[in-house]
Amino acid sequence: MAKSTLGIFHTDPKVDIHLDSLFLYAKNLTNSEHLSKVLTASIDAKGKAMHTGRLKGHLDIDAYAQKPTFHLDLQLEQVELTTLNSFF
């Protein structure tokens, strides 16, 4: 997915949190051991948050493990804090 916009759910009161220019790259999204010996998937993401911020992230997920696990590394920088006033 490239150059997309993602809006977050509807709430009451209204909260405006959004991502622009979102780029997602997913690898190994499978549940078949015939296609891949390892069922761990990974997703890389980057984009703009609330017009000024930078979002960067990496997710590793093993949804088919005995105890499903994930590791998320997420960075959100340069967001003008006043844009989050409606959230708090």
Foldseek 3Di string as FASTA:
>chain_A
DFQDKDFDDADVVGATKIWGRKDKDKPQCDPDCVVPVANKIKMWMWTAIPVFKIKTKMKIWDCPDPDTDMDIDIDIDGDDVVSRVVVD
